[in-house]
Amino acid sequence: METMVAAHDQQAAWPWGCWWLALALLPLLLALAICHGNDAYHCAAFAFRRWRHGRPRAKLPPGHMGLPFVGENPALKRYFRRARRPDGFVHDKKRRYGDATGGLYRTHLFGSPAVLACSPAANKLVLQSPDSFGVCWPAPDLVGASSSLNADGARHARLRACVIEAVNRPSSLRSIARAVQPRMASALRAWARRSTVTAAVETNFVSIIIPVHRLFTIQ
């Protein structure tokens, strides 16, 4: 009789042990779902599209999609804002996943899945393949349908040749130098009066204010 009571007590205690184990593992499983759920979802969606279109050899580059909804935006912001090392985001990808894929890494930025191209060969492939990589930004409604920013293919090559030919002439370079020199001299004098200068902020300001001044004034 005592043996039956002990066995009954052990069976009654076993479900409680399972519940405690489940409660202990729940935070770990939740953390894994948050950290890897977004990446697993996009990898599964890509595998389904690959199977549906009959392209078994296609595969995603190495990388990680980050957290759900926000992707890797927090990491990118940390490198840009706090660490003051914008290239650190790219260097971290190279350190973690290597260069075996030619500088291509999957990520999730600004609300969309993306592939980060950070090698000369990959950038050349993207920029010189207008049929495969069309222009998606800026929208024609924002800058106009005839803007050179929205041109691609032969039209873009023709516009680029015209702009380069106009800008690279000696007379054009002299005109640009005469227009830029006063602003640069004024900026250098202002920097000399300060004890500390943040070069990145000041050069960005000068590089923006000069074309804006040339476009929106009558001087």
N, C-alpha and C. Protein backbone atom coordinates (compact mmCIF):
# COMPACT_ATOMS: atom_id res chain seq x y z
N MET A 1 0.82 -1.21 0.00
CA MET A 1 0.00 0.00 0.00
C MET A 1 0.85 1.25 0.00
N GLU A 2 1.90 1.25 0.81
CA GLU A 2 2.82 2.39 0.85
C GLU A 2 3.51 2.58 -0.49
N THR A 3 3.83 1.47 -1.17
CA THR A 3 4.48 1.56 -2.48
C THR A 3 3.55 2.20 -3.50
N MET A 4 2.27 1.88 -3.44
CA MET A 4 1.31 2.46 -4.38
C MET A 4 1.12 3.95 -4.12
N VAL A 5 1.11 4.36 -2.84
CA VAL A 5 0.96 5.77 -2.50
C VAL A 5 2.17 6.56 -2.98
N ALA A 6 3.39 6.01 -2.81
CA ALA A 6 4.60 6.69 -3.25
C ALA A 6 4.61 6.84 -4.77
N ALA A 7 4.20 5.81 -5.50
CA ALA A 7 4.15 5.89 -6.95
C ALA A 7 3.13 6.92 -7.40
N HIS A 8 1.99 6.99 -6.67
CA HIS A 8 0.97 7.99 -7.02
C HIS A 8 1.49 9.40 -6.78
N ASP A 9 2.20 9.61 -5.68
CA ASP A 9 2.77 10.93 -5.40
C ASP A 9 3.81 11.32 -6.43
N GLN A 10 4.63 10.36 -6.88
CA GLN A 10 5.64 10.65 -7.88
C GLN A 10 5.01 11.02 -9.22
N GLN A 11 3.91 10.30 -9.57
CA GLN A 11 3.23 10.65 -10.82
C GLN A 11 2.56 12.01 -10.73
N ALA A 12 2.07 12.37 -9.53
CA ALA A 12 1.45 13.67 -9.37
C ALA A 12 2.47 14.79 -9.42
N ALA A 13 3.70 14.51 -8.92
CA ALA A 13 4.74 15.55 -8.92
C ALA A 13 5.36 15.72 -10.29
N TRP A 14 5.28 14.72 -11.17
CA TRP A 14 5.94 14.81 -12.48
C TRP A 14 5.36 15.92 -13.36
N PRO A 15 4.02 16.10 -13.45
CA PRO A 15 3.51 17.22 -14.26
C PRO A 15 3.98 18.57 -13.75
N TRP A 16 4.07 18.73 -12.42
CA TRP A 16 4.56 20.00 -11.90
C TRP A 16 6.01 20.24 -12.32
N GLY A 17 6.81 19.18 -12.35
CA GLY A 17 8.19 19.34 -12.82
C GLY A 17 8.25 19.75 -14.28
N CYS A 18 7.35 19.20 -15.09
CA CYS A 18 7.31 19.59 -16.50
C CYS A 18 6.91 21.05 -16.66
N TRP A 19 5.95 21.48 -15.84
CA TRP A 19 5.54 22.88 -15.92
C TRP A 19 6.67 23.82 -15.54
N TRP A 20 7.40 23.49 -14.49
CA TRP A 20 8.53 24.34 -14.08
C TRP A 20 9.62 24.36 -15.15
N LEU A 21 9.86 23.22 -15.77
CA LEU A 21 10.86 23.17 -16.84
C LEU A 21 10.41 24.01 -18.04
N ALA A 22 9.11 23.92 -18.37
CA ALA A 22 8.60 24.72 -19.49
C ALA A 22 8.69 26.22 -19.18
N LEU A 23 8.36 26.59 -17.94
CA LEU A 23 8.46 28.00 -17.57
C LEU A 23 9.89 28.49 -17.60
N ALA A 24 10.84 27.61 -17.22
CA ALA A 24 12.25 28.00 -17.24
C ALA A 24 12.77 28.16 -18.67
N LEU A 25 12.28 27.32 -19.59
CA LEU A 25 12.74 27.38 -20.98
C LEU A 25 12.00 28.41 -21.81
N LEU A 26 10.86 28.90 -21.33
CA LEU A 26 10.05 29.84 -22.11
C LEU A 26 10.81 31.13 -22.46
N PRO A 27 11.52 31.78 -21.52
CA PRO A 27 12.28 32.99 -21.91
C PRO A 27 13.34 32.71 -22.97
N LEU A 28 14.00 31.55 -22.87
CA LEU A 28 15.02 31.20 -23.86
C LEU A 28 14.39 31.01 -25.24
N LEU A 29 13.26 30.28 -25.29
CA LEU A 29 12.60 30.06 -26.57
C LEU A 29 12.06 31.37 -27.14
N LEU A 30 11.55 32.24 -26.27
CA LEU A 30 11.06 33.53 -26.74
C LEU A 30 12.18 34.39 -27.29
N ALA A 31 13.34 34.37 -26.61
CA ALA A 31 14.49 35.14 -27.10
C ALA A 31 14.97 34.62 -28.44
N LEU A 32 15.00 33.29 -28.61
CA LEU A 32 15.40 32.71 -29.89
C LEU A 32 14.43 33.08 -30.99
N ALA A 33 13.12 33.10 -30.68
CA ALA A 33 12.12 33.45 -31.68
C ALA A 33 12.27 34.91 -32.09
N ILE A 34 12.55 35.79 -31.14
CA ILE A 34 12.71 37.21 -31.46
C ILE A 34 13.97 37.45 -32.28
N CYS A 35 15.06 36.79 -31.90
CA CYS A 35 16.34 37.03 -32.57
C CYS A 35 16.40 36.42 -33.97
N HIS A 36 15.82 35.24 -34.14
CA HIS A 36 15.98 34.52 -35.40
C HIS A 36 14.68 34.31 -36.17
N GLY A 37 13.56 34.77 -35.63
CA GLY A 37 12.29 34.56 -36.32
C GLY A 37 12.21 35.29 -37.64
N ASN A 38 12.66 36.53 -37.68
CA ASN A 38 12.62 37.30 -38.91
C ASN A 38 13.50 36.68 -40.00
N ASP A 39 14.70 36.26 -39.62
CA ASP A 39 15.60 35.64 -40.58
C ASP A 39 15.04 34.31 -41.08
N ALA A 40 14.47 33.51 -40.17
CA ALA A 40 13.90 32.23 -40.57
C ALA A 40 12.72 32.42 -41.51
N TYR A 41 11.90 33.43 -41.26
CA TYR A 41 10.74 33.68 -42.12
C TYR A 41 11.17 34.04 -43.54
N HIS A 42 12.13 34.95 -43.67
CA HIS A 42 12.55 35.37 -45.01
C HIS A 42 13.30 34.26 -45.74
N CYS A 43 14.08 33.47 -45.01
CA CYS A 43 14.76 32.33 -45.65
C CYS A 43 13.75 31.30 -46.16
N ALA A 44 12.70 31.05 -45.36
CA ALA A 44 11.66 30.11 -45.79
C ALA A 44 10.90 30.65 -47.00
N ALA A 45 10.60 31.97 -47.00
CA ALA A 45 9.91 32.57 -48.14
C ALA A 45 10.76 32.49 -49.41
N PHE A 46 12.07 32.72 -49.27
CA PHE A 46 12.95 32.62 -50.43
C PHE A 46 13.03 31.19 -50.93
N ALA A 47 13.10 30.22 -50.01
CA ALA A 47 13.15 28.81 -50.42
C ALA A 47 11.87 28.41 -51.16
N PHE A 48 10.72 28.93 -50.72
CA PHE A 48 9.47 28.60 -51.40
C PHE A 48 9.45 29.19 -52.81
N ARG A 49 9.91 30.45 -52.95
CA ARG A 49 9.95 31.05 -54.29
C ARG A 49 10.94 30.31 -55.18
N ARG A 50 12.06 29.90 -54.62
CA ARG A 50 13.05 29.16 -55.41
C ARG A 50 12.46 27.84 -55.90
N TRP A 51 11.72 27.17 -55.03
CA TRP A 51 11.09 25.90 -55.43
C TRP A 51 9.99 26.13 -56.45
N ARG A 52 9.21 27.22 -56.30
CA ARG A 52 8.11 27.47 -57.21
C ARG A 52 8.59 27.83 -58.61
N HIS A 53 9.72 28.56 -58.70
CA HIS A 53 10.25 28.98 -60.00
C HIS A 53 11.26 27.98 -60.56
N GLY A 54 11.51 26.89 -59.85
CA GLY A 54 12.39 25.86 -60.37
C GLY A 54 13.84 26.28 -60.46
N ARG A 55 14.34 26.99 -59.46
CA ARG A 55 15.74 27.41 -59.44
C ARG A 55 16.41 26.86 -58.18
N PRO A 56 16.73 25.57 -58.17
CA PRO A 56 17.27 24.97 -56.94
C PRO A 56 18.67 25.46 -56.58
N ARG A 57 19.41 26.01 -57.54
CA ARG A 57 20.79 26.42 -57.26
C ARG A 57 20.86 27.83 -56.65
N ALA A 58 19.79 28.59 -56.75
CA ALA A 58 19.79 29.94 -56.19
C ALA A 58 19.77 29.87 -54.67
N LYS A 59 20.51 30.76 -54.03
CA LYS A 59 20.56 30.78 -52.57
C LYS A 59 20.85 32.20 -52.09
N LEU A 60 20.45 32.46 -50.88
CA LEU A 60 20.69 33.76 -50.28
C LEU A 60 22.14 33.89 -49.83
N PRO A 61 22.70 35.09 -49.88
CA PRO A 61 24.04 35.29 -49.32
C PRO A 61 24.00 35.20 -47.80
N PRO A 62 25.14 35.03 -47.17
CA PRO A 62 25.14 34.95 -45.70
C PRO A 62 24.73 36.27 -45.08
N GLY A 63 24.30 36.19 -43.84
CA GLY A 63 23.89 37.40 -43.15
C GLY A 63 22.79 37.11 -42.16
N HIS A 64 22.11 38.16 -41.71
CA HIS A 64 21.03 38.01 -40.74
C HIS A 64 20.04 39.14 -40.96
N MET A 65 18.75 38.82 -40.81
CA MET A 65 17.69 39.79 -41.05
C MET A 65 17.36 40.64 -39.83
N GLY A 66 17.99 40.34 -38.70
CA GLY A 66 17.76 41.16 -37.51
C GLY A 66 16.44 40.86 -36.83
N LEU A 67 15.95 41.85 -36.09
CA LEU A 67 14.74 41.70 -35.29
C LEU A 67 13.50 41.87 -36.16
N PRO A 68 12.36 41.31 -35.72
CA PRO A 68 11.12 41.52 -36.47
C PRO A 68 10.77 43.01 -36.57
N PHE A 69 10.28 43.40 -37.71
CA PHE A 69 9.81 44.76 -38.02
C PHE A 69 10.94 45.77 -38.15
N VAL A 70 11.88 45.80 -37.23
CA VAL A 70 12.95 46.81 -37.26
C VAL A 70 14.20 46.32 -37.97
N GLY A 71 14.34 45.01 -38.15
CA GLY A 71 15.50 44.48 -38.86
C GLY A 71 16.81 44.82 -38.15
N GLU A 72 17.80 45.27 -38.94
CA GLU A 72 19.09 45.65 -38.39
C GLU A 72 19.26 47.16 -38.30
N ASN A 73 18.16 47.88 -38.29
CA ASN A 73 18.23 49.33 -38.13
C ASN A 73 18.88 49.76 -36.82
N PRO A 74 18.59 49.10 -35.68
CA PRO A 74 19.29 49.49 -34.44
C PRO A 74 20.80 49.35 -34.53
N ALA A 75 21.28 48.27 -35.14
CA ALA A 75 22.73 48.09 -35.28
C ALA A 75 23.33 49.15 -36.19
N LEU A 76 22.66 49.46 -37.29
CA LEU A 76 23.15 50.49 -38.19
C LEU A 76 23.17 51.85 -37.51
N LYS A 77 22.14 52.16 -36.75
CA LYS A 77 22.09 53.43 -36.03
C LYS A 77 23.17 53.50 -34.96
N ARG A 78 23.45 52.37 -34.31
CA ARG A 78 24.50 52.35 -33.29
C ARG A 78 25.86 52.68 -33.88
N TYR A 79 26.15 52.13 -35.03
CA TYR A 79 27.44 52.42 -35.67
C TYR A 79 27.51 53.86 -36.17
N PHE A 80 26.39 54.39 -36.67
CA PHE A 80 26.40 55.74 -37.23
C PHE A 80 26.39 56.80 -36.13
N ARG A 81 25.53 56.63 -35.13
CA ARG A 81 25.31 57.67 -34.15
C ARG A 81 26.25 57.57 -32.95
N ARG A 82 26.32 56.40 -32.35
CA ARG A 82 27.04 56.26 -31.08
C ARG A 82 28.52 55.97 -31.29
N ALA A 83 28.82 54.98 -32.13
CA ALA A 83 30.22 54.61 -32.32
C ALA A 83 30.95 55.57 -33.25
N ARG A 84 30.21 56.36 -34.05
CA ARG A 84 30.82 57.28 -35.01
C ARG A 84 31.72 56.55 -36.01
N ARG A 85 31.35 55.32 -36.33
CA ARG A 85 32.10 54.52 -37.30
C ARG A 85 31.12 53.92 -38.30
N PRO A 86 30.72 54.68 -39.32
CA PRO A 86 29.73 54.14 -40.26
C PRO A 86 30.18 52.86 -40.95
N ASP A 87 31.48 52.75 -41.23
CA ASP A 87 31.98 51.55 -41.91
C ASP A 87 31.98 50.33 -40.99
N GLY A 88 31.79 50.54 -39.69
CA GLY A 88 31.80 49.41 -38.77
C GLY A 88 30.69 48.41 -39.05
N PHE A 89 29.56 48.88 -39.57
CA PHE A 89 28.46 47.96 -39.89
C PHE A 89 28.89 46.99 -40.98
N VAL A 90 29.58 47.49 -42.01
CA VAL A 90 30.06 46.63 -43.09
C VAL A 90 31.19 45.74 -42.61
N HIS A 91 32.13 46.30 -41.83
CA HIS A 91 33.25 45.51 -41.33
C HIS A 91 32.76 44.37 -40.43
N ASP A 92 31.70 44.61 -39.67
CA ASP A 92 31.15 43.56 -38.82
C ASP A 92 30.60 42.41 -39.66
N LYS A 93 29.95 42.73 -40.79
CA LYS A 93 29.48 41.68 -41.69
C LYS A 93 30.64 40.87 -42.25
N LYS A 94 31.69 41.56 -42.67
CA LYS A 94 32.84 40.85 -43.23
C LYS A 94 33.51 39.98 -42.17
N ARG A 95 33.60 40.47 -40.95
CA ARG A 95 34.26 39.70 -39.89
C ARG A 95 33.45 38.46 -39.52
N ARG A 96 32.13 38.56 -39.51
CA ARG A 96 31.29 37.45 -39.09
C ARG A 96 31.07 36.41 -40.18
N TYR A 97 30.99 36.86 -41.45
CA TYR A 97 30.60 35.94 -42.53
C TYR A 97 31.67 35.76 -43.60
N GLY A 98 32.77 36.54 -43.51
CA GLY A 98 33.85 36.36 -44.47
C GLY A 98 33.56 36.99 -45.82
N ASP A 99 34.50 36.81 -46.75
CA ASP A 99 34.40 37.38 -48.09
C ASP A 99 34.16 36.33 -49.18
N ALA A 100 33.69 35.15 -48.77
CA ALA A 100 33.56 34.06 -49.74
C ALA A 100 32.49 34.35 -50.79
N THR A 101 31.51 35.20 -50.47
CA THR A 101 30.43 35.49 -51.41
C THR A 101 30.68 36.76 -52.21
N GLY A 102 31.89 37.28 -52.20
CA GLY A 102 32.20 38.46 -52.98
C GLY A 102 31.66 39.75 -52.41
N GLY A 103 31.52 39.83 -51.09
CA GLY A 103 31.05 41.05 -50.46
C GLY A 103 29.55 41.25 -50.52
N LEU A 104 28.78 40.17 -50.60
CA LEU A 104 27.32 40.24 -50.59
C LEU A 104 26.79 39.63 -49.29
N TYR A 105 25.90 40.36 -48.62
CA TYR A 105 25.35 39.91 -47.34
C TYR A 105 23.88 40.28 -47.29
N ARG A 106 23.08 39.39 -46.75
CA ARG A 106 21.65 39.69 -46.60
C ARG A 106 21.43 40.48 -45.31
N THR A 107 20.45 41.35 -45.34
CA THR A 107 20.12 42.17 -44.18
C THR A 107 18.68 42.66 -44.33
N HIS A 108 18.22 43.40 -43.36
CA HIS A 108 16.87 43.97 -43.37
C HIS A 108 16.97 45.40 -42.86
N LEU A 109 16.83 46.37 -43.77
CA LEU A 109 17.02 47.77 -43.42
C LEU A 109 15.85 48.61 -43.94
N PHE A 110 15.43 49.59 -43.14
CA PHE A 110 14.40 50.55 -43.55
C PHE A 110 13.11 49.88 -43.98
N GLY A 111 12.77 48.79 -43.29
CA GLY A 111 11.49 48.15 -43.51
C GLY A 111 11.44 47.14 -44.64
N SER A 112 12.56 46.83 -45.27
CA SER A 112 12.55 45.90 -46.40
C SER A 112 13.77 44.99 -46.35
N PRO A 113 13.63 43.74 -46.78
CA PRO A 113 14.83 42.89 -46.92
C PRO A 113 15.72 43.43 -48.02
N ALA A 114 17.02 43.29 -47.82
CA ALA A 114 17.98 43.87 -48.77
C ALA A 114 19.23 43.00 -48.80
N VAL A 115 20.00 43.21 -49.86
CA VAL A 115 21.31 42.58 -50.00
C VAL A 115 22.35 43.70 -49.98
N LEU A 116 23.29 43.63 -49.06
CA LEU A 116 24.33 44.63 -48.91
C LEU A 116 25.51 44.27 -49.82
N ALA A 117 25.80 45.12 -50.78
CA ALA A 117 26.92 44.92 -51.70
C ALA A 117 28.06 45.84 -51.28
N CYS A 118 29.17 45.28 -50.84
CA CYS A 118 30.27 46.09 -50.31
C CYS A 118 31.61 45.65 -50.89
N SER A 119 31.64 45.35 -52.18
CA SER A 119 32.90 45.05 -52.85
C SER A 119 32.86 45.71 -54.23
N PRO A 120 34.01 46.06 -54.79
CA PRO A 120 34.01 46.70 -56.12
C PRO A 120 33.33 45.85 -57.19
N ALA A 121 33.55 44.55 -57.17
CA ALA A 121 32.95 43.69 -58.18
C ALA A 121 31.43 43.66 -58.06
N ALA A 122 30.91 43.58 -56.83
CA ALA A 122 29.46 43.55 -56.64
C ALA A 122 28.83 44.88 -57.02
N ASN A 123 29.46 45.99 -56.64
CA ASN A 123 28.91 47.30 -57.00
C ASN A 123 28.94 47.51 -58.51
N LYS A 124 29.99 47.05 -59.17
CA LYS A 124 30.07 47.17 -60.62
C LYS A 124 28.96 46.37 -61.29
N LEU A 125 28.68 45.18 -60.77
CA LEU A 125 27.61 44.35 -61.33
C LEU A 125 26.26 45.05 -61.19
N VAL A 126 26.01 45.66 -60.03
CA VAL A 126 24.72 46.32 -59.80
C VAL A 126 24.59 47.57 -60.67
N LEU A 127 25.62 48.39 -60.70
CA LEU A 127 25.54 49.67 -61.39
C LEU A 127 25.56 49.52 -62.91
N GLN A 128 26.15 48.45 -63.42
CA GLN A 128 26.24 48.27 -64.86
C GLN A 128 25.27 47.21 -65.38
N SER A 129 24.26 46.87 -64.61
CA SER A 129 23.24 45.90 -65.06
C SER A 129 21.86 46.51 -64.89
N PRO A 130 21.52 47.52 -65.72
CA PRO A 130 20.22 48.18 -65.55
C PRO A 130 19.04 47.28 -65.81
N ASP A 131 19.23 46.22 -66.62
CA ASP A 131 18.10 45.32 -66.90
C ASP A 131 17.74 44.48 -65.68
N SER A 132 18.73 44.16 -64.85
CA SER A 132 18.48 43.35 -63.66
C SER A 132 18.22 44.19 -62.42
N PHE A 133 18.83 45.37 -62.35
CA PHE A 133 18.68 46.23 -61.18
C PHE A 133 18.16 47.59 -61.65
N GLY A 134 16.86 47.74 -61.69
CA GLY A 134 16.26 48.99 -62.12
C GLY A 134 16.34 50.06 -61.04
N VAL A 135 16.08 51.30 -61.45
CA VAL A 135 16.10 52.42 -60.51
C VAL A 135 14.77 52.43 -59.77
N CYS A 136 14.82 52.36 -58.44
CA CYS A 136 13.62 52.36 -57.61
C CYS A 136 13.46 53.63 -56.79
N TRP A 137 14.53 54.40 -56.62
CA TRP A 137 14.46 55.62 -55.82
C TRP A 137 15.43 56.63 -56.41
N PRO A 138 15.11 57.91 -56.42
CA PRO A 138 13.84 58.50 -55.97
C PRO A 138 12.73 58.29 -56.96
N ALA A 139 11.50 58.43 -56.49
CA ALA A 139 10.33 58.20 -57.32
C ALA A 139 10.23 59.30 -58.38
N PRO A 140 9.74 58.97 -59.57
CA PRO A 140 9.58 60.01 -60.61
C PRO A 140 8.69 61.16 -60.17
N ASP A 141 7.70 60.89 -59.29
CA ASP A 141 6.83 61.96 -58.82
C ASP A 141 7.59 62.98 -57.97
N LEU A 142 8.72 62.56 -57.40
CA LEU A 142 9.48 63.45 -56.52
C LEU A 142 10.44 64.34 -57.29
N VAL A 143 11.15 63.81 -58.27
CA VAL A 143 12.17 64.58 -58.99
C VAL A 143 11.82 64.81 -60.46
N GLY A 144 10.74 64.20 -60.92
CA GLY A 144 10.36 64.38 -62.31
C GLY A 144 10.73 63.18 -63.17
N ALA A 145 9.89 62.88 -64.14
CA ALA A 145 10.13 61.71 -65.00
C ALA A 145 11.34 61.89 -65.89
N SER A 146 11.72 63.14 -66.21
CA SER A 146 12.85 63.39 -67.10
C SER A 146 14.16 63.58 -66.35
N SER A 147 14.15 63.40 -65.02
CA SER A 147 15.37 63.60 -64.24
C SER A 147 16.41 62.53 -64.57
N SER A 148 17.67 62.94 -64.53
CA SER A 148 18.75 61.97 -64.78
C SER A 148 18.83 60.91 -63.69
N LEU A 149 18.26 61.20 -62.50
CA LEU A 149 18.28 60.22 -61.42
C LEU A 149 17.41 59.01 -61.74
N ASN A 150 16.40 59.21 -62.58
CA ASN A 150 15.51 58.11 -62.94
C ASN A 150 15.82 57.49 -64.29
N ALA A 151 16.88 57.95 -64.93
CA ALA A 151 17.26 57.38 -66.22
C ALA A 151 18.09 56.12 -66.01
N ASP A 152 17.96 55.18 -66.90
CA ASP A 152 18.77 53.97 -66.85
C ASP A 152 19.07 53.52 -68.28
N GLY A 153 19.98 52.56 -68.37
CA GLY A 153 20.32 52.01 -69.67
C GLY A 153 21.04 53.01 -70.57
N ALA A 154 20.70 52.99 -71.85
CA ALA A 154 21.37 53.86 -72.83
C ALA A 154 21.09 55.34 -72.56
N ARG A 155 19.88 55.64 -72.08
CA ARG A 155 19.55 57.04 -71.78
C ARG A 155 20.42 57.59 -70.66
N HIS A 156 20.65 56.79 -69.64
CA HIS A 156 21.51 57.23 -68.54
C HIS A 156 22.94 57.42 -69.01
N ALA A 157 23.44 56.52 -69.84
CA ALA A 157 24.81 56.66 -70.36
C ALA A 157 24.95 57.93 -71.19
N ARG A 158 23.93 58.26 -71.98
CA ARG A 158 23.99 59.47 -72.81
C ARG A 158 23.97 60.73 -71.94
N LEU A 159 23.09 60.78 -70.94
CA LEU A 159 23.04 61.94 -70.05
C LEU A 159 24.32 62.08 -69.23
N ARG A 160 24.86 60.96 -68.79
CA ARG A 160 26.10 61.00 -68.01
C ARG A 160 27.25 61.54 -68.85
N ALA A 161 27.33 61.13 -70.12
CA ALA A 161 28.39 61.62 -71.00
C ALA A 161 28.26 63.12 -71.22
N CYS A 162 27.03 63.60 -71.37
CA CYS A 162 26.83 65.05 -71.57
C CYS A 162 27.24 65.84 -70.34
N VAL A 163 26.88 65.35 -69.16
CA VAL A 163 27.23 66.07 -67.93
C VAL A 163 28.73 66.07 -67.71
N ILE A 164 29.38 64.94 -67.91
CA ILE A 164 30.83 64.86 -67.71
C ILE A 164 31.56 65.76 -68.69
N GLU A 165 31.10 65.77 -69.94
CA GLU A 165 31.75 66.62 -70.94
C GLU A 165 31.61 68.10 -70.59
N ALA A 166 30.45 68.48 -70.05
CA ALA A 166 30.23 69.89 -69.69
C ALA A 166 31.03 70.29 -68.46
N VAL A 167 31.16 69.40 -67.49
CA VAL A 167 31.82 69.75 -66.23
C VAL A 167 33.32 69.66 -66.34
N ASN A 168 33.85 68.75 -67.12
CA ASN A 168 35.30 68.53 -67.18
C ASN A 168 36.04 69.50 -68.09
N ARG A 169 35.36 70.43 -68.70
CA ARG A 169 36.05 71.42 -69.52
C ARG A 169 36.85 72.37 -68.63
N PRO A 170 38.01 72.84 -69.09
CA PRO A 170 38.79 73.79 -68.27
C PRO A 170 38.01 75.05 -67.91
N SER A 171 37.23 75.58 -68.83
CA SER A 171 36.46 76.78 -68.52
C SER A 171 35.42 76.51 -67.43
N SER A 172 34.79 75.33 -67.47
CA SER A 172 33.81 74.97 -66.45
C SER A 172 34.48 74.79 -65.09
N LEU A 173 35.65 74.15 -65.08
CA LEU A 173 36.36 73.96 -63.82
C LEU A 173 36.80 75.29 -63.21
N ARG A 174 37.23 76.23 -64.05
CA ARG A 174 37.60 77.55 -63.53
C ARG A 174 36.39 78.27 -62.95
N SER A 175 35.25 78.15 -63.62
CA SER A 175 34.03 78.79 -63.11
C SER A 175 33.61 78.17 -61.78
N ILE A 176 33.69 76.85 -61.68
CA ILE A 176 33.34 76.18 -60.43
C ILE A 176 34.29 76.58 -59.31
N ALA A 177 35.59 76.65 -59.63
CA ALA A 177 36.57 77.04 -58.61
C ALA A 177 36.33 78.46 -58.11
N ARG A 178 36.01 79.38 -59.02
CA ARG A 178 35.73 80.76 -58.60
C ARG A 178 34.49 80.84 -57.72
N ALA A 179 33.51 79.98 -57.99
CA ALA A 179 32.29 80.00 -57.18
C ALA A 179 32.50 79.35 -55.82
N VAL A 180 33.33 78.33 -55.75
CA VAL A 180 33.52 77.58 -54.51
C VAL A 180 34.53 78.25 -53.58
N GLN A 181 35.54 78.90 -54.14
CA GLN A 181 36.64 79.43 -53.34
C GLN A 181 36.20 80.37 -52.22
N PRO A 182 35.32 81.36 -52.46
CA PRO A 182 34.94 82.24 -51.34
C PRO A 182 34.29 81.51 -50.18
N ARG A 183 33.42 80.57 -50.49
CA ARG A 183 32.77 79.80 -49.44
C ARG A 183 33.77 78.95 -48.65
N MET A 184 34.70 78.33 -49.36
CA MET A 184 35.70 77.51 -48.68
C MET A 184 36.61 78.37 -47.82
N ALA A 185 37.02 79.54 -48.32
CA ALA A 185 37.87 80.43 -47.52
C ALA A 185 37.14 80.92 -46.28
N SER A 186 35.83 81.25 -46.43
CA SER A 186 35.06 81.67 -45.27
C SER A 186 34.92 80.55 -44.25
N ALA A 187 34.70 79.33 -44.72
CA ALA A 187 34.59 78.19 -43.80
C ALA A 187 35.90 77.94 -43.07
N LEU A 188 37.03 78.02 -43.77
CA LEU A 188 38.32 77.80 -43.13
C LEU A 188 38.60 78.86 -42.07
N ARG A 189 38.24 80.13 -42.34
CA ARG A 189 38.43 81.18 -41.33
C ARG A 189 37.55 80.93 -40.10
N ALA A 190 36.32 80.47 -40.34
CA ALA A 190 35.43 80.18 -39.21
C ALA A 190 35.95 79.00 -38.39
N TRP A 191 36.50 77.99 -39.05
CA TRP A 191 37.06 76.85 -38.32
C TRP A 191 38.28 77.25 -37.51
N ALA A 192 39.08 78.18 -38.03
CA ALA A 192 40.30 78.60 -37.32
C ALA A 192 39.98 79.30 -36.01
N ARG A 193 38.79 79.92 -35.91
CA ARG A 193 38.42 80.62 -34.68
C ARG A 193 37.85 79.69 -33.61
N ARG A 194 37.64 78.44 -33.95
CA ARG A 194 37.08 77.49 -32.99
C ARG A 194 38.19 76.66 -32.35
N SER A 195 37.91 76.18 -31.14
CA SER A 195 38.88 75.31 -30.47
C SER A 195 38.77 73.87 -30.94
N THR A 196 37.54 73.44 -31.26
CA THR A 196 37.30 72.06 -31.71
C THR A 196 36.37 72.08 -32.91
N VAL A 197 36.71 71.30 -33.92
CA VAL A 197 35.92 71.22 -35.14
C VAL A 197 35.65 69.75 -35.45
N THR A 198 34.40 69.42 -35.69
CA THR A 198 34.02 68.08 -36.14
C THR A 198 34.07 68.07 -37.66
N ALA A 199 35.09 67.45 -38.20
CA ALA A 199 35.35 67.55 -39.64
C ALA A 199 34.19 67.01 -40.47
N ALA A 200 33.63 65.87 -40.07
CA ALA A 200 32.57 65.26 -40.87
C ALA A 200 31.35 66.17 -40.95
N VAL A 201 30.97 66.78 -39.83
CA VAL A 201 29.78 67.65 -39.82
C VAL A 201 30.03 68.90 -40.64
N GLU A 202 31.20 69.52 -40.46
CA GLU A 202 31.48 70.78 -41.15
C GLU A 202 31.63 70.59 -42.66
N THR A 203 32.31 69.54 -43.07
CA THR A 203 32.47 69.31 -44.51
C THR A 203 31.13 68.96 -45.17
N ASN A 204 30.29 68.21 -44.46
CA ASN A 204 28.96 67.93 -45.00
C ASN A 204 28.15 69.21 -45.16
N PHE A 205 28.26 70.11 -44.19
CA PHE A 205 27.52 71.37 -44.27
C PHE A 205 28.01 72.20 -45.46
N VAL A 206 29.32 72.29 -45.62
CA VAL A 206 29.87 73.08 -46.73
C VAL A 206 29.50 72.46 -48.07
N SER A 207 29.58 71.14 -48.17
CA SER A 207 29.27 70.48 -49.43
C SER A 207 27.80 70.61 -49.81
N ILE A 208 26.94 70.82 -48.82
CA ILE A 208 25.51 71.01 -49.11
C ILE A 208 25.20 72.48 -49.38
N ILE A 209 25.79 73.38 -48.60
CA ILE A 209 25.43 74.80 -48.72
C ILE A 209 25.91 75.40 -50.03
N ILE A 210 27.02 74.91 -50.59
CA ILE A 210 27.53 75.48 -51.84
C ILE A 210 26.57 75.23 -53.01
N PRO A 211 26.16 73.97 -53.28
CA PRO A 211 25.20 73.80 -54.40
C PRO A 211 23.85 74.45 -54.13
N VAL A 212 23.40 74.44 -52.87
CA VAL A 212 22.13 75.10 -52.57
C VAL A 212 22.23 76.60 -52.84
N HIS A 213 23.36 77.20 -52.46
CA HIS A 213 23.55 78.62 -52.69
C HIS A 213 23.61 78.93 -54.19
N ARG A 214 24.22 78.05 -54.96
CA ARG A 214 24.32 78.28 -56.40
C ARG A 214 22.97 78.10 -57.10
N LEU A 215 22.13 77.21 -56.57
CA LEU A 215 20.88 76.90 -57.25
C LEU A 215 19.76 77.89 -56.89
N PHE A 216 19.78 78.42 -55.67
CA PHE A 216 18.62 79.19 -55.20
C PHE A 216 18.95 80.66 -54.92
N THR A 217 20.03 81.18 -55.48
CA THR A 217 20.33 82.61 -55.38
C THR A 217 20.54 83.16 -56.78
N ILE A 218 20.58 84.48 -56.87
CA ILE A 218 20.76 85.15 -58.17
C ILE A 218 22.12 85.81 -58.27
N GLN A 219 23.02 85.45 -57.34
CA GLN A 219 24.36 86.06 -57.39
C GLN A 219 25.16 85.44 -58.52
